[in-house]
Amino acid sequence: MLGAESIYSAMTTWLFMKLIAARMQPGQGWTEFRQDNGDLFEGRPKKS
């Protein structure tokens, strides 16, 4: 995709991975995680 590198940010990706790690509960599946943390999938994450 032409210009895709301009929308990729390693820092943003890293921060989302940290948010996921902080919010994920032991034994929680991806479907349940997504239901509990919809803000990570629909726009800006809510502030903790």
N, C-alpha and C. Protein backbone atom coordinates (compact mmCIF):
# COMPACT_ATOMS: atom_id res chain seq x y z
N MET A 1 0.85 -1.18 0.00
CA MET A 1 0.00 0.00 0.00
C MET A 1 0.89 1.24 0.00
N LEU A 2 0.69 2.07 -0.92
CA LEU A 2 1.50 3.27 -1.06
C LEU A 2 1.23 4.22 0.09
N GLY A 3 2.28 4.65 0.76
CA GLY A 3 2.15 5.60 1.85
C GLY A 3 1.85 4.98 3.20
N ALA A 4 1.78 3.66 3.29
CA ALA A 4 1.44 2.99 4.55
C ALA A 4 2.46 3.29 5.63
N GLU A 5 3.72 3.46 5.25
CA GLU A 5 4.74 3.72 6.26
C GLU A 5 4.48 5.02 7.02
N SER A 6 3.74 5.93 6.43
CA SER A 6 3.45 7.20 7.11
C SER A 6 2.38 7.06 8.18
N ILE A 7 1.62 5.97 8.17
CA ILE A 7 0.59 5.77 9.19
C ILE A 7 1.01 4.77 10.26
N TYR A 8 2.16 4.13 10.09
CA TYR A 8 2.66 3.16 11.05
C TYR A 8 3.53 3.87 12.08
N SER A 9 3.31 3.55 13.33
CA SER A 9 4.15 4.10 14.38
C SER A 9 4.54 2.97 15.34
N ALA A 10 5.82 2.70 15.43
CA ALA A 10 6.30 1.66 16.35
C ALA A 10 5.93 2.00 17.78
N MET A 11 5.98 3.26 18.15
CA MET A 11 5.64 3.67 19.52
C MET A 11 4.17 3.39 19.82
N THR A 12 3.28 3.69 18.90
CA THR A 12 1.86 3.42 19.10
C THR A 12 1.61 1.93 19.26
N THR A 13 2.26 1.13 18.42
CA THR A 13 2.12 -0.32 18.51
C THR A 13 2.61 -0.81 19.86
N TRP A 14 3.75 -0.34 20.30
CA TRP A 14 4.33 -0.75 21.57
C TRP A 14 3.41 -0.37 22.73
N LEU A 15 2.85 0.84 22.69
CA LEU A 15 1.96 1.29 23.76
C LEU A 15 0.67 0.45 23.81
N PHE A 16 0.12 0.09 22.66
CA PHE A 16 -1.07 -0.76 22.66
C PHE A 16 -0.75 -2.14 23.23
N MET A 17 0.43 -2.67 22.92
CA MET A 17 0.83 -3.96 23.49
C MET A 17 0.95 -3.88 25.01
N LYS A 18 1.46 -2.76 25.51
CA LYS A 18 1.56 -2.57 26.96
C LYS A 18 0.17 -2.48 27.59
N LEU A 19 -0.76 -1.77 26.94
CA LEU A 19 -2.14 -1.68 27.43
C LEU A 19 -2.80 -3.05 27.47
N ILE A 20 -2.62 -3.82 26.43
CA ILE A 20 -3.20 -5.17 26.38
C ILE A 20 -2.63 -6.01 27.51
N ALA A 21 -1.32 -5.97 27.70
CA ALA A 21 -0.68 -6.76 28.76
C ALA A 21 -1.18 -6.34 30.14
N ALA A 22 -1.39 -5.04 30.34
CA ALA A 22 -1.84 -4.55 31.64
C ALA A 22 -3.30 -4.93 31.93
N ARG A 23 -4.11 -5.01 30.90
CA ARG A 23 -5.55 -5.27 31.09
C ARG A 23 -5.93 -6.75 31.01
N MET A 24 -5.13 -7.55 30.35
CA MET A 24 -5.48 -8.96 30.17
C MET A 24 -5.38 -9.71 31.48
N GLN A 25 -6.40 -10.50 31.77
CA GLN A 25 -6.46 -11.30 32.99
C GLN A 25 -5.94 -12.71 32.71
N PRO A 26 -5.33 -13.37 33.69
CA PRO A 26 -4.87 -14.75 33.48
C PRO A 26 -6.02 -15.65 33.03
N GLY A 27 -5.79 -16.42 32.01
CA GLY A 27 -6.79 -17.34 31.50
C GLY A 27 -7.88 -16.72 30.64
N GLN A 28 -7.81 -15.41 30.44
CA GLN A 28 -8.82 -14.71 29.64
C GLN A 28 -8.55 -14.93 28.16
N GLY A 29 -9.57 -15.30 27.42
CA GLY A 29 -9.45 -15.47 25.98
C GLY A 29 -9.57 -14.15 25.26
N TRP A 30 -9.20 -14.17 23.98
CA TRP A 30 -9.21 -12.94 23.19
C TRP A 30 -10.63 -12.38 23.05
N THR A 31 -11.64 -13.24 22.86
CA THR A 31 -13.02 -12.77 22.70
C THR A 31 -13.49 -12.04 23.95
N GLU A 32 -13.24 -12.63 25.11
CA GLU A 32 -13.64 -11.99 26.37
C GLU A 32 -12.86 -10.69 26.59
N PHE A 33 -11.58 -10.70 26.27
CA PHE A 33 -10.78 -9.49 26.40
C PHE A 33 -11.36 -8.37 25.54
N ARG A 34 -11.71 -8.71 24.32
CA ARG A 34 -12.27 -7.69 23.42
C ARG A 34 -13.59 -7.13 23.95
N GLN A 35 -14.44 -7.98 24.51
CA GLN A 35 -15.71 -7.52 25.08
C GLN A 35 -15.47 -6.58 26.26
N ASP A 36 -14.49 -6.89 27.08
CA ASP A 36 -14.21 -6.10 28.27
C ASP A 36 -13.45 -4.81 27.98
N ASN A 37 -12.81 -4.72 26.83
CA ASN A 37 -11.93 -3.59 26.52
C ASN A 37 -12.23 -3.01 25.15
N GLY A 38 -13.49 -2.79 24.88
CA GLY A 38 -13.90 -2.29 23.57
C GLY A 38 -13.26 -0.97 23.18
N ASP A 39 -12.87 -0.18 24.17
CA ASP A 39 -12.24 1.11 23.86
C ASP A 39 -10.93 0.95 23.10
N LEU A 40 -10.26 -0.18 23.26
CA LEU A 40 -9.01 -0.41 22.52
C LEU A 40 -9.26 -0.71 21.05
N PHE A 41 -10.49 -1.07 20.71
CA PHE A 41 -10.81 -1.47 19.34
C PHE A 41 -11.65 -0.43 18.61
N GLU A 42 -12.23 0.52 19.33
CA GLU A 42 -13.17 1.47 18.72
C GLU A 42 -12.67 2.89 18.66
N GLY A 43 -11.49 3.17 19.09
CA GLY A 43 -11.00 4.53 19.08
C GLY A 43 -9.93 4.70 20.13
N ARG A 44 -9.94 5.82 20.76
CA ARG A 44 -8.93 6.10 21.77
C ARG A 44 -9.21 5.32 23.04
N PRO A 45 -8.17 4.73 23.64
CA PRO A 45 -8.35 4.02 24.91
C PRO A 45 -8.74 4.99 26.02
N LYS A 46 -9.54 4.49 26.96
CA LYS A 46 -9.88 5.32 28.11
C LYS A 46 -8.68 5.44 29.01
N LYS A 47 -8.54 6.56 29.68
CA LYS A 47 -7.41 6.78 30.57
C LYS A 47 -7.60 6.00 31.85
N SER A 48 -6.52 5.40 32.32
CA SER A 48 -6.58 4.62 33.57
C SER A 48 -6.40 5.51 34.76
